[in-house]
Amino acid sequence: MKTNAAGVLLLILCMVPCAGAHAADASHDFDGQIGHWRTTLRRLKDPLTGSQAWLDYQGTTTVRAVMDGRANLVELRVAGSAGRIDGVSLRLYDPTQGQWSLNYANLADGSLGIPSVGRFTGGRGEFYSNEKFRGRDVRVRFVIQPQGADVIHFEQAFSIDDGRTWEVNWIATDTRVR
């Protein structure tokens, strides 16, 4: 069989996307979060008012893989002096975009929020959405920063100037329960 340089180059080019697609597959970015967690949460009482009053909560978070790991389900249950927060988040991976959508539902009013969309880069997840908060247009940034295998830091912030400045309004730390 005679081989030419173009045929060899074509064979190499056909192999490279396959290897790159596998390396770029981010469908397992949340695998390390599967399990049971002790959650400490602080939320700003009145975001976008200049207030510095924070509310503290304690509770649990449970993360389960669903659909063969292409999605996961998060159950948040925390309580504090200001009451309870019970919520569910369905995280869905979009392989065509290589990114995740975070779909949060507040069980207090049964509402499903606008999905935040993003990805992990260098171990840090950043997810964004455009929403309304008390009648105002806000850009929402949700950051997930693992701090080792057993601690994860979460932070939500609002921007009313298209991301030039951010006000953090939700800080949570999850510690794995063994």
N, C-alpha and C. Protein backbone atom coordinates (compact mmCIF):
# COMPACT_ATOMS: atom_id res chain seq x y z
N MET A 1 0.85 -1.18 0.00
CA MET A 1 0.00 0.00 0.00
C MET A 1 0.89 1.24 0.00
N LYS A 2 0.57 2.17 -0.87
CA LYS A 2 1.34 3.41 -1.00
C LYS A 2 0.72 4.46 -0.07
N THR A 3 1.55 5.17 0.71
CA THR A 3 1.08 6.22 1.63
C THR A 3 1.65 7.54 1.16
N ASN A 4 0.82 8.57 1.16
CA ASN A 4 1.34 9.89 0.80
C ASN A 4 1.25 10.82 2.02
N ALA A 5 1.94 11.93 1.95
CA ALA A 5 2.01 12.88 3.07
C ALA A 5 0.64 13.44 3.40
N ALA A 6 -0.17 13.71 2.37
CA ALA A 6 -1.51 14.26 2.62
C ALA A 6 -2.37 13.26 3.38
N GLY A 7 -2.25 11.98 3.04
CA GLY A 7 -3.02 10.94 3.74
C GLY A 7 -2.61 10.83 5.20
N VAL A 8 -1.31 10.91 5.47
CA VAL A 8 -0.82 10.85 6.85
C VAL A 8 -1.29 12.07 7.62
N LEU A 9 -1.20 13.26 7.00
CA LEU A 9 -1.66 14.49 7.66
C LEU A 9 -3.15 14.41 7.97
N LEU A 10 -3.94 13.90 7.02
CA LEU A 10 -5.38 13.77 7.24
C LEU A 10 -5.65 12.82 8.40
N LEU A 11 -4.93 11.72 8.48
CA LEU A 11 -5.09 10.78 9.58
C LEU A 11 -4.76 11.43 10.91
N ILE A 12 -3.70 12.21 10.97
CA ILE A 12 -3.31 12.91 12.20
C ILE A 12 -4.37 13.92 12.59
N LEU A 13 -4.86 14.71 11.63
CA LEU A 13 -5.88 15.71 11.92
C LEU A 13 -7.18 15.08 12.41
N CYS A 14 -7.51 13.91 11.90
CA CYS A 14 -8.73 13.22 12.36
C CYS A 14 -8.57 12.72 13.79
N MET A 15 -7.36 12.40 14.18
CA MET A 15 -7.12 11.89 15.53
C MET A 15 -7.08 13.03 16.55
N VAL A 16 -6.57 14.20 16.19
CA VAL A 16 -6.40 15.30 17.13
C VAL A 16 -7.73 15.77 17.71
N PRO A 17 -8.80 16.02 16.90
CA PRO A 17 -10.05 16.46 17.51
C PRO A 17 -10.60 15.45 18.51
N CYS A 18 -10.43 14.18 18.23
CA CYS A 18 -10.94 13.18 19.17
C CYS A 18 -10.21 13.30 20.50
N ALA A 19 -8.91 13.44 20.46
CA ALA A 19 -8.16 13.58 21.72
C ALA A 19 -8.52 14.89 22.40
N GLY A 20 -8.63 15.98 21.62
CA GLY A 20 -8.97 17.27 22.20
C GLY A 20 -10.36 17.28 22.81
N ALA A 21 -11.32 16.64 22.14
CA ALA A 21 -12.69 16.61 22.65
C ALA A 21 -12.74 15.89 23.99
N HIS A 22 -11.98 14.82 24.10
CA HIS A 22 -11.96 14.09 25.36
C HIS A 22 -11.32 14.94 26.47
N ALA A 23 -10.22 15.63 26.14
CA ALA A 23 -9.54 16.45 27.14
C ALA A 23 -10.40 17.65 27.55
N ALA A 24 -11.21 18.18 26.61
CA ALA A 24 -12.01 19.35 26.91
C ALA A 24 -13.36 18.99 27.53
N ASP A 25 -13.67 17.71 27.66
CA ASP A 25 -14.95 17.28 28.22
C ASP A 25 -15.04 17.71 29.68
N ALA A 26 -15.98 18.60 29.95
CA ALA A 26 -16.14 19.12 31.31
C ALA A 26 -17.34 18.51 32.02
N SER A 27 -17.86 17.40 31.50
CA SER A 27 -19.07 16.81 32.05
C SER A 27 -18.87 16.23 33.44
N HIS A 28 -17.65 16.17 33.90
CA HIS A 28 -17.39 15.62 35.24
C HIS A 28 -16.87 16.67 36.21
N ASP A 29 -17.03 17.94 35.88
CA ASP A 29 -16.54 19.03 36.74
C ASP A 29 -17.13 19.00 38.14
N PHE A 30 -18.35 18.50 38.29
CA PHE A 30 -18.99 18.50 39.61
C PHE A 30 -18.87 17.15 40.33
N ASP A 31 -18.17 16.18 39.75
CA ASP A 31 -18.09 14.86 40.37
C ASP A 31 -17.55 14.91 41.80
N GLY A 32 -16.61 15.78 42.06
CA GLY A 32 -16.03 15.89 43.40
C GLY A 32 -16.99 16.45 44.44
N GLN A 33 -18.13 16.97 43.99
CA GLN A 33 -19.11 17.53 44.92
C GLN A 33 -20.21 16.54 45.29
N ILE A 34 -20.21 15.37 44.66
CA ILE A 34 -21.22 14.37 44.98
C ILE A 34 -21.03 13.93 46.43
N GLY A 35 -22.10 13.94 47.21
CA GLY A 35 -22.02 13.51 48.60
C GLY A 35 -22.82 14.39 49.53
N HIS A 36 -22.52 14.26 50.82
CA HIS A 36 -23.22 14.99 51.87
C HIS A 36 -22.27 16.02 52.47
N TRP A 37 -22.80 17.22 52.74
CA TRP A 37 -21.99 18.35 53.17
C TRP A 37 -22.65 19.07 54.34
N ARG A 38 -21.85 19.59 55.24
CA ARG A 38 -22.31 20.51 56.28
C ARG A 38 -22.14 21.91 55.70
N THR A 39 -23.20 22.71 55.74
CA THR A 39 -23.22 24.01 55.07
C THR A 39 -23.31 25.14 56.09
N THR A 40 -22.42 26.10 55.94
CA THR A 40 -22.46 27.36 56.68
C THR A 40 -22.71 28.44 55.64
N LEU A 41 -23.77 29.21 55.84
CA LEU A 41 -24.18 30.17 54.83
C LEU A 41 -24.41 31.54 55.46
N ARG A 42 -23.98 32.57 54.76
CA ARG A 42 -24.26 33.97 55.14
C ARG A 42 -24.90 34.62 53.93
N ARG A 43 -25.97 35.38 54.18
CA ARG A 43 -26.58 36.11 53.08
C ARG A 43 -26.81 37.54 53.52
N LEU A 44 -26.55 38.45 52.60
CA LEU A 44 -26.75 39.87 52.86
C LEU A 44 -28.25 40.12 52.98
N LYS A 45 -28.65 40.75 54.09
CA LYS A 45 -30.07 40.94 54.37
C LYS A 45 -30.76 41.78 53.30
N ASP A 46 -30.15 42.88 52.90
CA ASP A 46 -30.77 43.79 51.93
C ASP A 46 -29.77 44.15 50.82
N PRO A 47 -29.61 43.27 49.83
CA PRO A 47 -28.66 43.57 48.75
C PRO A 47 -29.00 44.86 48.02
N LEU A 48 -27.97 45.50 47.51
CA LEU A 48 -28.05 46.70 46.68
C LEU A 48 -28.64 47.90 47.40
N THR A 49 -28.52 47.91 48.73
CA THR A 49 -28.99 49.07 49.51
C THR A 49 -27.84 49.75 50.25
N GLY A 50 -26.65 49.16 50.20
CA GLY A 50 -25.53 49.66 50.98
C GLY A 50 -25.47 49.06 52.37
N SER A 51 -26.44 48.25 52.73
CA SER A 51 -26.48 47.61 54.04
C SER A 51 -25.35 46.59 54.18
N GLN A 52 -24.84 46.48 55.39
CA GLN A 52 -23.82 45.48 55.70
C GLN A 52 -24.34 44.46 56.71
N ALA A 53 -25.66 44.35 56.85
CA ALA A 53 -26.27 43.38 57.78
C ALA A 53 -26.35 42.01 57.11
N TRP A 54 -25.72 41.03 57.76
CA TRP A 54 -25.69 39.67 57.23
C TRP A 54 -26.53 38.75 58.10
N LEU A 55 -27.13 37.75 57.47
CA LEU A 55 -27.92 36.73 58.16
C LEU A 55 -27.16 35.41 58.07
N ASP A 56 -27.09 34.68 59.18
CA ASP A 56 -26.33 33.44 59.23
C ASP A 56 -27.25 32.23 59.29
N TYR A 57 -26.83 31.16 58.59
CA TYR A 57 -27.58 29.92 58.52
C TYR A 57 -26.63 28.73 58.65
N GLN A 58 -27.15 27.62 59.14
CA GLN A 58 -26.40 26.36 59.22
C GLN A 58 -27.31 25.26 58.70
N GLY A 59 -26.73 24.24 58.11
CA GLY A 59 -27.55 23.12 57.66
C GLY A 59 -26.75 22.14 56.83
N THR A 60 -27.42 21.58 55.83
CA THR A 60 -26.80 20.54 55.01
C THR A 60 -27.05 20.78 53.53
N THR A 61 -26.17 20.20 52.76
CA THR A 61 -26.33 20.14 51.31
C THR A 61 -26.05 18.71 50.90
N THR A 62 -26.89 18.18 50.03
CA THR A 62 -26.68 16.85 49.47
C THR A 62 -26.64 16.98 47.96
N VAL A 63 -25.61 16.39 47.34
CA VAL A 63 -25.45 16.44 45.89
C VAL A 63 -25.46 15.01 45.36
N ARG A 64 -26.36 14.77 44.39
CA ARG A 64 -26.49 13.44 43.78
C ARG A 64 -26.29 13.54 42.27
N ALA A 65 -25.55 12.59 41.73
CA ALA A 65 -25.43 12.49 40.28
C ALA A 65 -26.72 11.88 39.74
N VAL A 66 -27.18 12.40 38.62
CA VAL A 66 -28.34 11.84 37.93
C VAL A 66 -28.01 11.72 36.45
N MET A 67 -28.77 10.92 35.74
CA MET A 67 -28.59 10.72 34.30
C MET A 67 -27.15 10.35 33.95
N ASP A 68 -26.65 9.34 34.65
CA ASP A 68 -25.30 8.83 34.40
C ASP A 68 -24.22 9.90 34.55
N GLY A 69 -24.45 10.87 35.45
CA GLY A 69 -23.46 11.89 35.74
C GLY A 69 -23.50 13.09 34.81
N ARG A 70 -24.41 13.11 33.83
CA ARG A 70 -24.51 14.26 32.92
C ARG A 70 -25.24 15.43 33.57
N ALA A 71 -25.77 15.18 34.75
CA ALA A 71 -26.46 16.20 35.52
C ALA A 71 -26.29 15.85 36.98
N ASN A 72 -26.56 16.81 37.86
CA ASN A 72 -26.60 16.49 39.28
C ASN A 72 -27.66 17.34 39.94
N LEU A 73 -28.12 16.84 41.07
CA LEU A 73 -29.20 17.47 41.82
C LEU A 73 -28.67 17.85 43.19
N VAL A 74 -28.87 19.12 43.56
CA VAL A 74 -28.39 19.65 44.83
C VAL A 74 -29.59 19.97 45.70
N GLU A 75 -29.58 19.48 46.94
CA GLU A 75 -30.61 19.81 47.91
C GLU A 75 -29.97 20.62 49.03
N LEU A 76 -30.45 21.85 49.21
CA LEU A 76 -29.95 22.75 50.24
C LEU A 76 -31.01 22.90 51.32
N ARG A 77 -30.60 22.68 52.58
CA ARG A 77 -31.50 22.85 53.73
C ARG A 77 -30.72 23.54 54.83
N VAL A 78 -31.02 24.82 55.06
CA VAL A 78 -30.34 25.57 56.11
C VAL A 78 -31.36 26.35 56.91
N ALA A 79 -30.98 26.67 58.15
CA ALA A 79 -31.86 27.46 59.03
C ALA A 79 -31.01 28.40 59.86
N GLY A 80 -31.63 29.51 60.24
CA GLY A 80 -30.98 30.50 61.09
C GLY A 80 -32.03 31.36 61.75
N SER A 81 -31.58 32.42 62.41
CA SER A 81 -32.51 33.29 63.12
C SER A 81 -33.52 33.95 62.19
N ALA A 82 -33.19 34.08 60.90
CA ALA A 82 -34.11 34.69 59.94
C ALA A 82 -35.05 33.68 59.29
N GLY A 83 -34.94 32.40 59.69
CA GLY A 83 -35.82 31.38 59.12
C GLY A 83 -35.06 30.30 58.39
N ARG A 84 -35.75 29.67 57.46
CA ARG A 84 -35.20 28.55 56.70
C ARG A 84 -34.99 28.94 55.24
N ILE A 85 -34.02 28.28 54.63
CA ILE A 85 -33.87 28.31 53.18
C ILE A 85 -33.82 26.86 52.74
N ASP A 86 -34.78 26.48 51.93
CA ASP A 86 -34.82 25.15 51.32
C ASP A 86 -34.83 25.35 49.82
N GLY A 87 -33.86 24.76 49.15
CA GLY A 87 -33.79 24.94 47.71
C GLY A 87 -33.24 23.71 47.01
N VAL A 88 -33.48 23.67 45.73
CA VAL A 88 -33.00 22.58 44.88
C VAL A 88 -32.34 23.21 43.66
N SER A 89 -31.20 22.66 43.28
CA SER A 89 -30.54 23.12 42.07
C SER A 89 -30.29 21.93 41.16
N LEU A 90 -30.72 22.05 39.93
CA LEU A 90 -30.44 21.05 38.91
C LEU A 90 -29.33 21.63 38.04
N ARG A 91 -28.19 20.94 38.03
CA ARG A 91 -27.05 21.37 37.22
C ARG A 91 -27.01 20.48 35.98
N LEU A 92 -27.03 21.11 34.82
CA LEU A 92 -27.09 20.38 33.55
C LEU A 92 -25.88 20.72 32.69
N TYR A 93 -25.25 19.69 32.13
CA TYR A 93 -24.09 19.89 31.27
C TYR A 93 -24.52 19.95 29.80
N ASP A 94 -24.05 20.94 29.08
CA ASP A 94 -24.29 21.08 27.65
C ASP A 94 -23.00 20.72 26.91
N PRO A 95 -22.92 19.51 26.35
CA PRO A 95 -21.67 19.09 25.71
C PRO A 95 -21.35 19.89 24.44
N THR A 96 -22.36 20.47 23.80
CA THR A 96 -22.08 21.24 22.58
C THR A 96 -21.38 22.56 22.90
N GLN A 97 -21.66 23.12 24.08
CA GLN A 97 -21.03 24.37 24.51
C GLN A 97 -19.90 24.15 25.51
N GLY A 98 -19.84 22.94 26.09
CA GLY A 98 -18.81 22.66 27.11
C GLY A 98 -19.04 23.46 28.37
N GLN A 99 -20.30 23.72 28.70
CA GLN A 99 -20.60 24.50 29.89
C GLN A 99 -21.81 23.94 30.62
N TRP A 100 -22.00 24.45 31.83
CA TRP A 100 -23.07 24.01 32.71
C TRP A 100 -24.11 25.10 32.88
N SER A 101 -25.35 24.69 33.12
CA SER A 101 -26.37 25.63 33.58
C SER A 101 -26.77 25.21 34.99
N LEU A 102 -26.89 26.20 35.87
CA LEU A 102 -27.31 25.98 37.25
C LEU A 102 -28.73 26.51 37.36
N ASN A 103 -29.66 25.64 37.68
CA ASN A 103 -31.09 25.96 37.69
C ASN A 103 -31.60 25.82 39.11
N TYR A 104 -31.78 26.94 39.82
CA TYR A 104 -32.13 26.93 41.24
C TYR A 104 -33.62 27.17 41.43
N ALA A 105 -34.21 26.38 42.31
CA ALA A 105 -35.61 26.55 42.67
C ALA A 105 -35.70 26.80 44.17
N ASN A 106 -36.38 27.88 44.54
CA ASN A 106 -36.63 28.21 45.93
C ASN A 106 -37.91 27.50 46.34
N LEU A 107 -37.84 26.61 47.33
CA LEU A 107 -39.01 25.85 47.73
C LEU A 107 -39.99 26.67 48.56
N ALA A 108 -39.57 27.83 49.07
CA ALA A 108 -40.48 28.67 49.86
C ALA A 108 -41.63 29.19 49.00
N ASP A 109 -41.33 29.50 47.72
CA ASP A 109 -42.40 29.99 46.86
C ASP A 109 -42.57 29.15 45.60
N GLY A 110 -41.81 28.07 45.49
CA GLY A 110 -41.95 27.17 44.35
C GLY A 110 -41.49 27.75 43.03
N SER A 111 -40.66 28.79 43.08
CA SER A 111 -40.23 29.43 41.84
C SER A 111 -38.89 28.87 41.36
N LEU A 112 -38.78 28.79 40.05
CA LEU A 112 -37.55 28.37 39.40
C LEU A 112 -36.89 29.61 38.84
N GLY A 113 -35.65 29.85 39.24
CA GLY A 113 -34.94 31.05 38.80
C GLY A 113 -34.40 30.93 37.39
N ILE A 114 -33.84 32.02 36.92
CA ILE A 114 -33.19 32.05 35.61
C ILE A 114 -31.87 31.29 35.72
N PRO A 115 -31.57 30.40 34.78
CA PRO A 115 -30.33 29.63 34.87
C PRO A 115 -29.09 30.52 34.80
N SER A 116 -28.11 30.18 35.61
CA SER A 116 -26.77 30.77 35.50
C SER A 116 -25.96 29.81 34.65
N VAL A 117 -25.18 30.33 33.72
CA VAL A 117 -24.45 29.50 32.78
C VAL A 117 -22.96 29.83 32.85
N GLY A 118 -22.13 28.78 32.82
CA GLY A 118 -20.70 29.00 32.83
C GLY A 118 -19.92 27.70 32.86
N ARG A 119 -18.68 27.83 33.30
CA ARG A 119 -17.78 26.66 33.30
C ARG A 119 -16.70 26.85 34.34
N PHE A 120 -15.94 25.78 34.53
CA PHE A 120 -14.78 25.80 35.41
C PHE A 120 -13.54 26.07 34.57
N THR A 121 -12.69 26.95 35.09
CA THR A 121 -11.39 27.23 34.49
C THR A 121 -10.38 27.24 35.62
N GLY A 122 -9.37 26.39 35.53
CA GLY A 122 -8.36 26.32 36.57
C GLY A 122 -8.94 25.93 37.93
N GLY A 123 -9.99 25.14 37.92
CA GLY A 123 -10.59 24.68 39.17
C GLY A 123 -11.65 25.60 39.74
N ARG A 124 -11.81 26.79 39.19
CA ARG A 124 -12.77 27.79 39.67
C ARG A 124 -13.94 27.85 38.69
N GLY A 125 -15.16 27.69 39.22
CA GLY A 125 -16.35 27.78 38.39
C GLY A 125 -16.95 29.17 38.45
N GLU A 126 -17.26 29.75 37.30
CA GLU A 126 -17.95 31.04 37.24
C GLU A 126 -19.17 30.89 36.35
N PHE A 127 -20.31 31.34 36.88
CA PHE A 127 -21.60 31.18 36.22
C PHE A 127 -22.32 32.52 36.28
N TYR A 128 -22.96 32.91 35.16
CA TYR A 128 -23.56 34.23 35.05
C TYR A 128 -25.00 34.15 34.56
N SER A 129 -25.78 35.14 34.98
CA SER A 129 -27.14 35.31 34.46
C SER A 129 -27.50 36.79 34.56
N ASN A 130 -28.52 37.16 33.80
CA ASN A 130 -29.10 38.50 33.89
C ASN A 130 -30.50 38.33 34.45
N GLU A 131 -30.77 39.03 35.56
CA GLU A 131 -32.03 38.83 36.26
C GLU A 131 -32.61 40.17 36.70
N LYS A 132 -33.79 40.08 37.27
CA LYS A 132 -34.42 41.23 37.92
C LYS A 132 -34.37 40.98 39.42
N PHE A 133 -34.00 42.00 40.18
CA PHE A 133 -34.01 41.92 41.64
C PHE A 133 -34.69 43.17 42.16
N ARG A 134 -35.84 42.99 42.79
CA ARG A 134 -36.63 44.11 43.29
C ARG A 134 -36.82 45.19 42.22
N GLY A 135 -37.15 44.72 41.01
CA GLY A 135 -37.45 45.62 39.90
C GLY A 135 -36.24 46.17 39.16
N ARG A 136 -35.02 45.80 39.60
CA ARG A 136 -33.81 46.31 38.97
C ARG A 136 -33.16 45.23 38.12
N ASP A 137 -32.58 45.63 37.00
CA ASP A 137 -31.78 44.71 36.20
C ASP A 137 -30.45 44.49 36.90
N VAL A 138 -30.11 43.22 37.11
CA VAL A 138 -28.83 42.90 37.75
C VAL A 138 -28.13 41.80 36.96
N ARG A 139 -26.83 41.88 36.94
CA ARG A 139 -25.98 40.81 36.44
C ARG A 139 -25.61 40.00 37.68
N VAL A 140 -25.79 38.69 37.60
CA VAL A 140 -25.51 37.81 38.72
C VAL A 140 -24.30 36.95 38.38
N ARG A 141 -23.36 36.89 39.32
CA ARG A 141 -22.18 36.03 39.19
C ARG A 141 -22.21 35.04 40.34
N PHE A 142 -22.09 33.76 40.02
CA PHE A 142 -22.03 32.71 41.04
C PHE A 142 -20.70 31.99 40.87
N VAL A 143 -19.89 31.99 41.94
CA VAL A 143 -18.55 31.41 41.89
C VAL A 143 -18.51 30.17 42.78
N ILE A 144 -17.92 29.12 42.26
CA ILE A 144 -17.69 27.89 43.02
C ILE A 144 -16.19 27.65 43.03
N GLN A 145 -15.62 27.61 44.24
CA GLN A 145 -14.17 27.47 44.38
C GLN A 145 -13.86 26.33 45.35
N PRO A 146 -13.59 25.12 44.83
CA PRO A 146 -13.16 24.04 45.75
C PRO A 146 -11.86 24.43 46.44
N GLN A 147 -11.79 24.10 47.73
CA GLN A 147 -10.59 24.37 48.52
C GLN A 147 -10.09 23.05 49.08
N GLY A 148 -9.72 22.16 48.19
CA GLY A 148 -9.35 20.80 48.55
C GLY A 148 -10.54 19.88 48.29
N ALA A 149 -10.36 18.60 48.64
CA ALA A 149 -11.39 17.60 48.36
C ALA A 149 -12.60 17.70 49.28
N ASP A 150 -12.44 18.34 50.43
CA ASP A 150 -13.50 18.30 51.44
C ASP A 150 -14.08 19.65 51.82
N VAL A 151 -13.71 20.71 51.12
CA VAL A 151 -14.25 22.05 51.41
C VAL A 151 -14.49 22.76 50.08
N ILE A 152 -15.68 23.35 49.96
CA ILE A 152 -16.02 24.11 48.76
C ILE A 152 -16.59 25.46 49.19
N HIS A 153 -16.12 26.52 48.55
CA HIS A 153 -16.58 27.88 48.83
C HIS A 153 -17.48 28.33 47.68
N PHE A 154 -18.63 28.92 48.03
CA PHE A 154 -19.59 29.44 47.05
C PHE A 154 -19.80 30.92 47.34
N GLU A 155 -19.96 31.69 46.28
CA GLU A 155 -20.17 33.12 46.47
C GLU A 155 -21.04 33.65 45.34
N GLN A 156 -22.08 34.39 45.70
CA GLN A 156 -22.92 35.05 44.71
C GLN A 156 -22.77 36.56 44.86
N ALA A 157 -22.74 37.25 43.73
CA ALA A 157 -22.63 38.71 43.75
C ALA A 157 -23.54 39.30 42.68
N PHE A 158 -23.99 40.54 42.94
CA PHE A 158 -24.81 41.30 42.00
C PHE A 158 -24.00 42.47 41.46
N SER A 159 -24.27 42.80 40.21
CA SER A 159 -23.71 44.01 39.60
C SER A 159 -24.85 44.77 38.93
N ILE A 160 -24.89 46.07 39.17
CA ILE A 160 -25.88 46.91 38.49
C ILE A 160 -25.23 47.82 37.45
N ASP A 161 -23.90 47.60 37.23
CA ASP A 161 -23.19 48.40 36.23
C ASP A 161 -22.50 47.49 35.20
N ASP A 162 -23.20 46.41 34.84
CA ASP A 162 -22.75 45.48 33.80
C ASP A 162 -21.39 44.84 34.12
N GLY A 163 -21.17 44.55 35.39
CA GLY A 163 -19.99 43.80 35.79
C GLY A 163 -18.76 44.61 36.11
N ARG A 164 -18.86 45.94 36.12
CA ARG A 164 -17.69 46.74 36.50
C ARG A 164 -17.42 46.62 38.00
N THR A 165 -18.49 46.60 38.80
CA THR A 165 -18.35 46.40 40.24
C THR A 165 -19.36 45.34 40.68
N TRP A 166 -19.02 44.66 41.78
CA TRP A 166 -19.85 43.56 42.27
C TRP A 166 -20.10 43.73 43.76
N GLU A 167 -21.30 43.40 44.20
CA GLU A 167 -21.63 43.35 45.62
C GLU A 167 -21.93 41.89 45.97
N VAL A 168 -21.08 41.30 46.82
CA VAL A 168 -21.29 39.93 47.27
C VAL A 168 -22.48 39.91 48.21
N ASN A 169 -23.39 38.94 47.99
CA ASN A 169 -24.59 38.88 48.84
C ASN A 169 -24.91 37.48 49.36
N TRP A 170 -24.09 36.51 49.03
CA TRP A 170 -24.34 35.12 49.45
C TRP A 170 -22.99 34.44 49.53
N ILE A 171 -22.62 33.94 50.70
CA ILE A 171 -21.36 33.24 50.90
C ILE A 171 -21.67 31.95 51.62
N ALA A 172 -21.24 30.84 51.05
CA ALA A 172 -21.47 29.55 51.68
C ALA A 172 -20.20 28.74 51.65
N THR A 173 -20.01 27.95 52.68
CA THR A 173 -18.90 27.01 52.72
C THR A 173 -19.48 25.63 53.04
N ASP A 174 -19.18 24.68 52.18
CA ASP A 174 -19.60 23.29 52.40
C ASP A 174 -18.38 22.48 52.83
N THR A 175 -18.57 21.70 53.91
CA THR A 175 -17.53 20.80 54.41
C THR A 175 -18.08 19.38 54.34
N ARG A 176 -17.33 18.51 53.69
CA ARG A 176 -17.79 17.14 53.46
C ARG A 176 -18.06 16.42 54.77
N VAL A 177 -19.17 15.69 54.82
CA VAL A 177 -19.50 14.83 55.95
C VAL A 177 -19.06 13.43 55.58
N ARG A 178 -18.19 12.85 56.39
CA ARG A 178 -17.67 11.50 56.10
C ARG A 178 -18.54 10.46 56.74
